[in-house]
Structures are given as C-alpha cells and as structure tokens.
Amino acid sequence: KRRLDGELVESWTLDCGAEGLAGA
C-alpha cells in the first residue's frame, strides 16, 4: 500500500491457475 497524490494505491499478485484470468 502507498499514497499517490492523495489516493490509496495497492499492488499485489494473484495466481489464477491453469484457467487463467478469463472467466474469473
């Protein structure tokens, strides 16, 4: 988490398995 120009910004990583992101 960090603040950028007053906005809250978050970055993280997911693993959606063999099916991938499509259909999530």
mmCIF file of all heavy atoms, coordinates in Angstrom:
data_MODEL
# 
_entry.id   MODEL 
# 
loop_
_atom_site.group_PDB 
_atom_site.id 
_atom_site.type_symbol 
_atom_site.label_atom_id 
_atom_site.label_alt_id 
_atom_site.label_comp_id 
_atom_site.label_asym_id 
_atom_site.label_entity_id 
_atom_site.label_seq_id 
_atom_site.pdbx_PDB_ins_code 
_atom_site.Cartn_x 
_atom_site.Cartn_y 
_atom_site.Cartn_z 
_atom_site.occupancy 
_atom_site.B_iso_or_equiv 
_atom_site.pdbx_formal_charge 
_atom_site.auth_seq_id 
_atom_site.auth_comp_id 
_atom_site.auth_asym_id 
_atom_site.auth_atom_id 
_atom_site.pdbx_PDB_model_num 
ATOM 1   N N   . LYS A 1 1  ? 0.835   -1.202  0.000   1.00 0.00 ? 1  LYS A N   1 
ATOM 2   C CA  . LYS A 1 1  ? 0.000   0.000   0.000   1.00 0.00 ? 1  LYS A CA  1 
ATOM 3   C C   . LYS A 1 1  ? 0.866   1.247   0.000   1.00 0.00 ? 1  LYS A C   1 
ATOM 4   O O   . LYS A 1 1  ? 1.925   1.277   0.635   1.00 0.00 ? 1  LYS A O   1 
ATOM 5   C CB  . LYS A 1 1  ? -0.912  0.012   1.231   1.00 0.00 ? 1  LYS A CB  1 
ATOM 6   C CG  . LYS A 1 1  ? -1.867  -1.174  1.300   1.00 0.00 ? 1  LYS A CG  1 
ATOM 7   C CD  . LYS A 1 1  ? -2.759  -1.076  2.522   1.00 0.00 ? 1  LYS A CD  1 
ATOM 8   C CE  . LYS A 1 1  ? -3.721  -2.264  2.585   1.00 0.00 ? 1  LYS A CE  1 
ATOM 9   N NZ  . LYS A 1 1  ? -4.626  -2.173  3.762   1.00 0.00 ? 1  LYS A NZ  1 
ATOM 10  N N   . ARG A 1 2  ? 0.402   2.273   -0.713  1.00 0.00 ? 2  ARG A N   1 
ATOM 11  C CA  . ARG A 1 2  ? 1.096   3.555   -0.739  1.00 0.00 ? 2  ARG A CA  1 
ATOM 12  C C   . ARG A 1 2  ? 0.103   4.656   -1.104  1.00 0.00 ? 2  ARG A C   1 
ATOM 13  O O   . ARG A 1 2  ? -0.998  4.378   -1.601  1.00 0.00 ? 2  ARG A O   1 
ATOM 14  C CB  . ARG A 1 2  ? 2.252   3.535   -1.741  1.00 0.00 ? 2  ARG A CB  1 
ATOM 15  C CG  . ARG A 1 2  ? 1.837   3.326   -3.180  1.00 0.00 ? 2  ARG A CG  1 
ATOM 16  C CD  . ARG A 1 2  ? 3.036   3.100   -4.081  1.00 0.00 ? 2  ARG A CD  1 
ATOM 17  N NE  . ARG A 1 2  ? 2.689   3.010   -5.497  1.00 0.00 ? 2  ARG A NE  1 
ATOM 18  C CZ  . ARG A 1 2  ? 2.216   1.926   -6.084  1.00 0.00 ? 2  ARG A CZ  1 
ATOM 19  N NH1 . ARG A 1 2  ? 2.022   0.827   -5.378  1.00 0.00 ? 2  ARG A NH1 1 
ATOM 20  N NH2 . ARG A 1 2  ? 1.928   1.939   -7.374  1.00 0.00 ? 2  ARG A NH2 1 
ATOM 21  N N   . ARG A 1 3  ? 0.485   5.883   -0.842  1.00 0.00 ? 3  ARG A N   1 
ATOM 22  C CA  . ARG A 1 3  ? -0.328  7.034   -1.207  1.00 0.00 ? 3  ARG A CA  1 
ATOM 23  C C   . ARG A 1 3  ? 0.293   7.720   -2.411  1.00 0.00 ? 3  ARG A C   1 
ATOM 24  O O   . ARG A 1 3  ? 1.501   7.946   -2.450  1.00 0.00 ? 3  ARG A O   1 
ATOM 25  C CB  . ARG A 1 3  ? -0.419  8.030   -0.045  1.00 0.00 ? 3  ARG A CB  1 
ATOM 26  C CG  . ARG A 1 3  ? -1.277  7.553   1.118   1.00 0.00 ? 3  ARG A CG  1 
ATOM 27  C CD  . ARG A 1 3  ? -2.750  7.747   0.813   1.00 0.00 ? 3  ARG A CD  1 
ATOM 28  N NE  . ARG A 1 3  ? -3.601  7.265   1.903   1.00 0.00 ? 3  ARG A NE  1 
ATOM 29  C CZ  . ARG A 1 3  ? -4.920  7.343   1.895   1.00 0.00 ? 3  ARG A CZ  1 
ATOM 30  N NH1 . ARG A 1 3  ? -5.536  7.888   0.861   1.00 0.00 ? 3  ARG A NH1 1 
ATOM 31  N NH2 . ARG A 1 3  ? -5.632  6.882   2.894   1.00 0.00 ? 3  ARG A NH2 1 
ATOM 32  N N   . LEU A 1 4  ? -0.536  8.062   -3.410  1.00 0.00 ? 4  LEU A N   1 
ATOM 33  C CA  . LEU A 1 4  ? -0.068  8.738   -4.608  1.00 0.00 ? 4  LEU A CA  1 
ATOM 34  C C   . LEU A 1 4  ? -1.045  9.864   -4.914  1.00 0.00 ? 4  LEU A C   1 
ATOM 35  O O   . LEU A 1 4  ? -2.191  9.622   -5.295  1.00 0.00 ? 4  LEU A O   1 
ATOM 36  C CB  . LEU A 1 4  ? 0.015   7.766   -5.787  1.00 0.00 ? 4  LEU A CB  1 
ATOM 37  C CG  . LEU A 1 4  ? 0.511   8.337   -7.112  1.00 0.00 ? 4  LEU A CG  1 
ATOM 38  C CD1 . LEU A 1 4  ? 1.943   8.836   -6.960  1.00 0.00 ? 4  LEU A CD1 1 
ATOM 39  C CD2 . LEU A 1 4  ? 0.421   7.285   -8.217  1.00 0.00 ? 4  LEU A CD2 1 
ATOM 40  N N   . ASP A 1 5  ? -0.576  11.113  -4.722  1.00 0.00 ? 5  ASP A N   1 
ATOM 41  C CA  . ASP A 1 5  ? -1.423  12.295  -4.946  1.00 0.00 ? 5  ASP A CA  1 
ATOM 42  C C   . ASP A 1 5  ? -2.722  12.212  -4.153  1.00 0.00 ? 5  ASP A C   1 
ATOM 43  O O   . ASP A 1 5  ? -3.810  12.539  -4.641  1.00 0.00 ? 5  ASP A O   1 
ATOM 44  C CB  . ASP A 1 5  ? -1.731  12.460  -6.432  1.00 0.00 ? 5  ASP A CB  1 
ATOM 45  C CG  . ASP A 1 5  ? -0.487  12.737  -7.255  1.00 0.00 ? 5  ASP A CG  1 
ATOM 46  O OD1 . ASP A 1 5  ? 0.455   13.346  -6.702  1.00 0.00 ? 5  ASP A OD1 1 
ATOM 47  O OD2 . ASP A 1 5  ? -0.451  12.346  -8.434  1.00 0.00 ? 5  ASP A OD2 1 
ATOM 48  N N   . GLY A 1 6  ? -2.625  11.747  -2.915  1.00 0.00 ? 6  GLY A N   1 
ATOM 49  C CA  . GLY A 1 6  ? -3.783  11.683  -2.043  1.00 0.00 ? 6  GLY A CA  1 
ATOM 50  C C   . GLY A 1 6  ? -4.651  10.453  -2.240  1.00 0.00 ? 6  GLY A C   1 
ATOM 51  O O   . GLY A 1 6  ? -5.614  10.244  -1.496  1.00 0.00 ? 6  GLY A O   1 
ATOM 52  N N   . GLU A 1 7  ? -4.337  9.614   -3.225  1.00 0.00 ? 7  GLU A N   1 
ATOM 53  C CA  . GLU A 1 7  ? -5.135  8.420   -3.478  1.00 0.00 ? 7  GLU A CA  1 
ATOM 54  C C   . GLU A 1 7  ? -4.426  7.187   -2.931  1.00 0.00 ? 7  GLU A C   1 
ATOM 55  O O   . GLU A 1 7  ? -3.198  7.106   -2.932  1.00 0.00 ? 7  GLU A O   1 
ATOM 56  C CB  . GLU A 1 7  ? -5.391  8.254   -4.977  1.00 0.00 ? 7  GLU A CB  1 
ATOM 57  C CG  . GLU A 1 7  ? -6.235  9.372   -5.577  1.00 0.00 ? 7  GLU A CG  1 
ATOM 58  C CD  . GLU A 1 7  ? -6.538  9.135   -7.040  1.00 0.00 ? 7  GLU A CD  1 
ATOM 59  O OE1 . GLU A 1 7  ? -5.616  8.714   -7.765  1.00 0.00 ? 7  GLU A OE1 1 
ATOM 60  O OE2 . GLU A 1 7  ? -7.670  9.374   -7.452  1.00 0.00 ? 7  GLU A OE2 1 
ATOM 61  N N   . LEU A 1 8  ? -5.221  6.227   -2.463  1.00 0.00 ? 8  LEU A N   1 
ATOM 62  C CA  . LEU A 1 8  ? -4.677  4.980   -1.949  1.00 0.00 ? 8  LEU A CA  1 
ATOM 63  C C   . LEU A 1 8  ? -4.412  4.038   -3.113  1.00 0.00 ? 8  LEU A C   1 
ATOM 64  O O   . LEU A 1 8  ? -5.310  3.735   -3.907  1.00 0.00 ? 8  LEU A O   1 
ATOM 65  C CB  . LEU A 1 8  ? -5.667  4.343   -0.968  1.00 0.00 ? 8  LEU A CB  1 
ATOM 66  C CG  . LEU A 1 8  ? -5.255  2.983   -0.387  1.00 0.00 ? 8  LEU A CG  1 
ATOM 67  C CD1 . LEU A 1 8  ? -3.977  3.123   0.434   1.00 0.00 ? 8  LEU A CD1 1 
ATOM 68  C CD2 . LEU A 1 8  ? -6.376  2.404   0.456   1.00 0.00 ? 8  LEU A CD2 1 
ATOM 69  N N   . VAL A 1 9  ? -3.186  3.567   -3.220  1.00 0.00 ? 9  VAL A N   1 
ATOM 70  C CA  . VAL A 1 9  ? -2.790  2.662   -4.303  1.00 0.00 ? 9  VAL A CA  1 
ATOM 71  C C   . VAL A 1 9  ? -2.279  1.366   -3.684  1.00 0.00 ? 9  VAL A C   1 
ATOM 72  O O   . VAL A 1 9  ? -1.438  1.388   -2.779  1.00 0.00 ? 9  VAL A O   1 
ATOM 73  C CB  . VAL A 1 9  ? -1.699  3.289   -5.191  1.00 0.00 ? 9  VAL A CB  1 
ATOM 74  C CG1 . VAL A 1 9  ? -1.304  2.335   -6.308  1.00 0.00 ? 9  VAL A CG1 1 
ATOM 75  C CG2 . VAL A 1 9  ? -2.176  4.612   -5.763  1.00 0.00 ? 9  VAL A CG2 1 
ATOM 76  N N   . GLU A 1 10 ? -2.794  0.241   -4.168  1.00 0.00 ? 10 GLU A N   1 
ATOM 77  C CA  . GLU A 1 10 ? -2.360  -1.077  -3.697  1.00 0.00 ? 10 GLU A CA  1 
ATOM 78  C C   . GLU A 1 10 ? -1.950  -1.930  -4.897  1.00 0.00 ? 10 GLU A C   1 
ATOM 79  O O   . GLU A 1 10 ? -2.567  -1.857  -5.966  1.00 0.00 ? 10 GLU A O   1 
ATOM 80  C CB  . GLU A 1 10 ? -3.483  -1.779  -2.937  1.00 0.00 ? 10 GLU A CB  1 
ATOM 81  C CG  . GLU A 1 10 ? -3.936  -1.070  -1.674  1.00 0.00 ? 10 GLU A CG  1 
ATOM 82  C CD  . GLU A 1 10 ? -5.034  -1.838  -0.960  1.00 0.00 ? 10 GLU A CD  1 
ATOM 83  O OE1 . GLU A 1 10 ? -4.756  -2.951  -0.476  1.00 0.00 ? 10 GLU A OE1 1 
ATOM 84  O OE2 . GLU A 1 10 ? -6.171  -1.342  -0.910  1.00 0.00 ? 10 GLU A OE2 1 
ATOM 85  N N   . SER A 1 11 ? -0.934  -2.752  -4.686  1.00 0.00 ? 11 SER A N   1 
ATOM 86  C CA  . SER A 1 11 ? -0.470  -3.671  -5.732  1.00 0.00 ? 11 SER A CA  1 
ATOM 87  C C   . SER A 1 11 ? -0.220  -5.031  -5.108  1.00 0.00 ? 11 SER A C   1 
ATOM 88  O O   . SER A 1 11 ? 0.404   -5.125  -4.040  1.00 0.00 ? 11 SER A O   1 
ATOM 89  C CB  . SER A 1 11 ? 0.815   -3.145  -6.387  1.00 0.00 ? 11 SER A CB  1 
ATOM 90  O OG  . SER A 1 11 ? 0.605   -1.873  -6.973  1.00 0.00 ? 11 SER A OG  1 
ATOM 91  N N   . TRP A 1 12 ? -0.699  -6.082  -5.765  1.00 0.00 ? 12 TRP A N   1 
ATOM 92  C CA  . TRP A 1 12 ? -0.436  -7.430  -5.295  1.00 0.00 ? 12 TRP A CA  1 
ATOM 93  C C   . TRP A 1 12 ? -0.497  -8.390  -6.472  1.00 0.00 ? 12 TRP A C   1 
ATOM 94  O O   . TRP A 1 12 ? -0.792  -7.982  -7.601  1.00 0.00 ? 12 TRP A O   1 
ATOM 95  C CB  . TRP A 1 12 ? -1.399  -7.842  -4.175  1.00 0.00 ? 12 TRP A CB  1 
ATOM 96  C CG  . TRP A 1 12 ? -2.844  -7.969  -4.524  1.00 0.00 ? 12 TRP A CG  1 
ATOM 97  C CD1 . TRP A 1 12 ? -3.510  -9.091  -4.908  1.00 0.00 ? 12 TRP A CD1 1 
ATOM 98  C CD2 . TRP A 1 12 ? -3.836  -6.919  -4.512  1.00 0.00 ? 12 TRP A CD2 1 
ATOM 99  N NE1 . TRP A 1 12 ? -4.842  -8.824  -5.138  1.00 0.00 ? 12 TRP A NE1 1 
ATOM 100 C CE2 . TRP A 1 12 ? -5.069  -7.507  -4.883  1.00 0.00 ? 12 TRP A CE2 1 
ATOM 101 C CE3 . TRP A 1 12 ? -3.805  -5.570  -4.212  1.00 0.00 ? 12 TRP A CE3 1 
ATOM 102 C CZ2 . TRP A 1 12 ? -6.249  -6.760  -4.981  1.00 0.00 ? 12 TRP A CZ2 1 
ATOM 103 C CZ3 . TRP A 1 12 ? -4.972  -4.839  -4.300  1.00 0.00 ? 12 TRP A CZ3 1 
ATOM 104 C CH2 . TRP A 1 12 ? -6.171  -5.420  -4.669  1.00 0.00 ? 12 TRP A CH2 1 
ATOM 105 N N   . THR A 1 13 ? -0.204  -9.654  -6.232  1.00 0.00 ? 13 THR A N   1 
ATOM 106 C CA  . THR A 1 13 ? -0.155  -10.651 -7.306  1.00 0.00 ? 13 THR A CA  1 
ATOM 107 C C   . THR A 1 13 ? -1.060  -11.818 -6.971  1.00 0.00 ? 13 THR A C   1 
ATOM 108 O O   . THR A 1 13 ? -1.103  -12.285 -5.832  1.00 0.00 ? 13 THR A O   1 
ATOM 109 C CB  . THR A 1 13 ? 1.286   -11.166 -7.515  1.00 0.00 ? 13 THR A CB  1 
ATOM 110 O OG1 . THR A 1 13 ? 2.145   -10.044 -7.788  1.00 0.00 ? 13 THR A OG1 1 
ATOM 111 C CG2 . THR A 1 13 ? 1.356   -12.141 -8.675  1.00 0.00 ? 13 THR A CG2 1 
ATOM 112 N N   . LEU A 1 14 ? -1.786  -12.292 -7.982  1.00 0.00 ? 14 LEU A N   1 
ATOM 113 C CA  . LEU A 1 14 ? -2.677  -13.441 -7.851  1.00 0.00 ? 14 LEU A CA  1 
ATOM 114 C C   . LEU A 1 14 ? -2.192  -14.574 -8.758  1.00 0.00 ? 14 LEU A C   1 
ATOM 115 O O   . LEU A 1 14 ? -1.511  -14.334 -9.759  1.00 0.00 ? 14 LEU A O   1 
ATOM 116 C CB  . LEU A 1 14 ? -4.112  -13.072 -8.252  1.00 0.00 ? 14 LEU A CB  1 
ATOM 117 C CG  . LEU A 1 14 ? -4.814  -11.958 -7.474  1.00 0.00 ? 14 LEU A CG  1 
ATOM 118 C CD1 . LEU A 1 14 ? -6.149  -11.631 -8.135  1.00 0.00 ? 14 LEU A CD1 1 
ATOM 119 C CD2 . LEU A 1 14 ? -5.015  -12.361 -6.025  1.00 0.00 ? 14 LEU A CD2 1 
ATOM 120 N N   . ASP A 1 15 ? -2.572  -15.795 -8.413  1.00 0.00 ? 15 ASP A N   1 
ATOM 121 C CA  . ASP A 1 15 ? -2.357  -16.953 -9.274  1.00 0.00 ? 15 ASP A CA  1 
ATOM 122 C C   . ASP A 1 15 ? -3.724  -17.539 -9.578  1.00 0.00 ? 15 ASP A C   1 
ATOM 123 O O   . ASP A 1 15 ? -4.406  -18.047 -8.693  1.00 0.00 ? 15 ASP A O   1 
ATOM 124 C CB  . ASP A 1 15 ? -1.471  -17.985 -8.580  1.00 0.00 ? 15 ASP A CB  1 
ATOM 125 C CG  . ASP A 1 15 ? -1.054  -19.113 -9.521  1.00 0.00 ? 15 ASP A CG  1 
ATOM 126 O OD1 . ASP A 1 15 ? -1.702  -19.265 -10.580 1.00 0.00 ? 15 ASP A OD1 1 
ATOM 127 O OD2 . ASP A 1 15 ? -0.087  -19.825 -9.214  1.00 0.00 ? 15 ASP A OD2 1 
ATOM 128 N N   . CYS A 1 16 ? -4.163  -17.424 -10.844 1.00 0.00 ? 16 CYS A N   1 
ATOM 129 C CA  . CYS A 1 16 ? -5.488  -17.905 -11.236 1.00 0.00 ? 16 CYS A CA  1 
ATOM 130 C C   . CYS A 1 16 ? -5.454  -19.306 -11.829 1.00 0.00 ? 16 CYS A C   1 
ATOM 131 O O   . CYS A 1 16 ? -6.429  -19.750 -12.460 1.00 0.00 ? 16 CYS A O   1 
ATOM 132 C CB  . CYS A 1 16 ? -6.123  -16.933 -12.221 1.00 0.00 ? 16 CYS A CB  1 
ATOM 133 S SG  . CYS A 1 16 ? -6.533  -15.322 -11.494 1.00 0.00 ? 16 CYS A SG  1 
ATOM 134 N N   . GLY A 1 17 ? -4.325  -19.994 -11.671 1.00 0.00 ? 17 GLY A N   1 
ATOM 135 C CA  . GLY A 1 17 ? -4.233  -21.382 -12.083 1.00 0.00 ? 17 GLY A CA  1 
ATOM 136 C C   . GLY A 1 17 ? -4.215  -21.575 -13.590 1.00 0.00 ? 17 GLY A C   1 
ATOM 137 O O   . GLY A 1 17 ? -3.993  -20.643 -14.364 1.00 0.00 ? 17 GLY A O   1 
ATOM 138 N N   . ALA A 1 18 ? -4.495  -22.813 -14.007 1.00 0.00 ? 18 ALA A N   1 
ATOM 139 C CA  . ALA A 1 18 ? -4.401  -23.157 -15.420 1.00 0.00 ? 18 ALA A CA  1 
ATOM 140 C C   . ALA A 1 18 ? -5.469  -22.458 -16.257 1.00 0.00 ? 18 ALA A C   1 
ATOM 141 O O   . ALA A 1 18 ? -5.275  -22.204 -17.444 1.00 0.00 ? 18 ALA A O   1 
ATOM 142 C CB  . ALA A 1 18 ? -4.521  -24.673 -15.584 1.00 0.00 ? 18 ALA A CB  1 
ATOM 143 N N   . GLU A 1 19 ? -6.611  -22.138 -15.642 1.00 0.00 ? 19 GLU A N   1 
ATOM 144 C CA  . GLU A 1 19 ? -7.688  -21.486 -16.392 1.00 0.00 ? 19 GLU A CA  1 
ATOM 145 C C   . GLU A 1 19 ? -7.361  -20.036 -16.716 1.00 0.00 ? 19 GLU A C   1 
ATOM 146 O O   . GLU A 1 19 ? -7.922  -19.456 -17.649 1.00 0.00 ? 19 GLU A O   1 
ATOM 147 C CB  . GLU A 1 19 ? -8.990  -21.559 -15.599 1.00 0.00 ? 19 GLU A CB  1 
ATOM 148 C CG  . GLU A 1 19 ? -9.476  -22.986 -15.356 1.00 0.00 ? 19 GLU A CG  1 
ATOM 149 C CD  . GLU A 1 19 ? -10.760 -22.997 -14.560 1.00 0.00 ? 19 GLU A CD  1 
ATOM 150 O OE1 . GLU A 1 19 ? -11.771 -22.459 -15.052 1.00 0.00 ? 19 GLU A OE1 1 
ATOM 151 O OE2 . GLU A 1 19 ? -10.745 -23.521 -13.428 1.00 0.00 ? 19 GLU A OE2 1 
ATOM 152 N N   . GLY A 1 20 ? -6.496  -19.432 -15.934 1.00 0.00 ? 20 GLY A N   1 
ATOM 153 C CA  . GLY A 1 20 ? -6.110  -18.053 -16.195 1.00 0.00 ? 20 GLY A CA  1 
ATOM 154 C C   . GLY A 1 20 ? -7.171  -17.041 -15.769 1.00 0.00 ? 20 GLY A C   1 
ATOM 155 O O   . GLY A 1 20 ? -8.144  -17.358 -15.075 1.00 0.00 ? 20 GLY A O   1 
ATOM 156 N N   . LEU A 1 21 ? -7.001  -15.821 -16.214 1.00 0.00 ? 21 LEU A N   1 
ATOM 157 C CA  . LEU A 1 21 ? -7.872  -14.728 -15.789 1.00 0.00 ? 21 LEU A CA  1 
ATOM 158 C C   . LEU A 1 21 ? -9.237  -14.767 -16.475 1.00 0.00 ? 21 LEU A C   1 
ATOM 159 O O   . LEU A 1 21 ? -10.248 -14.371 -15.881 1.00 0.00 ? 21 LEU A O   1 
ATOM 160 C CB  . LEU A 1 21 ? -7.178  -13.393 -16.084 1.00 0.00 ? 21 LEU A CB  1 
ATOM 161 C CG  . LEU A 1 21 ? -7.895  -12.110 -15.654 1.00 0.00 ? 21 LEU A CG  1 
ATOM 162 C CD1 . LEU A 1 21 ? -8.155  -12.102 -14.155 1.00 0.00 ? 21 LEU A CD1 1 
ATOM 163 C CD2 . LEU A 1 21 ? -7.075  -10.887 -16.055 1.00 0.00 ? 21 LEU A CD2 1 
ATOM 164 N N   . ALA A 1 22 ? -9.280  -15.244 -17.737 1.00 0.00 ? 22 ALA A N   1 
ATOM 165 C CA  . ALA A 1 22 ? -10.555 -15.289 -18.468 1.00 0.00 ? 22 ALA A CA  1 
ATOM 166 C C   . ALA A 1 22 ? -11.544 -16.176 -17.732 1.00 0.00 ? 22 ALA A C   1 
ATOM 167 O O   . ALA A 1 22 ? -11.216 -17.294 -17.322 1.00 0.00 ? 22 ALA A O   1 
ATOM 168 C CB  . ALA A 1 22 ? -10.331 -15.793 -19.888 1.00 0.00 ? 22 ALA A CB  1 
ATOM 169 N N   . GLY A 1 23 ? -12.757 -15.676 -17.545 1.00 0.00 ? 23 GLY A N   1 
ATOM 170 C CA  . GLY A 1 23 ? -13.783 -16.429 -16.830 1.00 0.00 ? 23 GLY A CA  1 
ATOM 171 C C   . GLY A 1 23 ? -13.840 -16.138 -15.349 1.00 0.00 ? 23 GLY A C   1 
ATOM 172 O O   . GLY A 1 23 ? -14.783 -16.560 -14.666 1.00 0.00 ? 23 GLY A O   1 
ATOM 173 N N   . ALA A 1 24 ? -12.844 -15.421 -14.812 1.00 0.00 ? 24 ALA A N   1 
ATOM 174 C CA  . ALA A 1 24 ? -12.851 -15.072 -13.389 1.00 0.00 ? 24 ALA A CA  1 
ATOM 175 C C   . ALA A 1 24 ? -13.852 -13.948 -13.139 1.00 0.00 ? 24 ALA A C   1 
ATOM 176 O O   . ALA A 1 24 ? -14.015 -13.048 -13.963 1.00 0.00 ? 24 ALA A O   1 
ATOM 177 C CB  . ALA A 1 24 ? -11.458 -14.650 -12.945 1.00 0.00 ? 24 ALA A CB  1 
# 
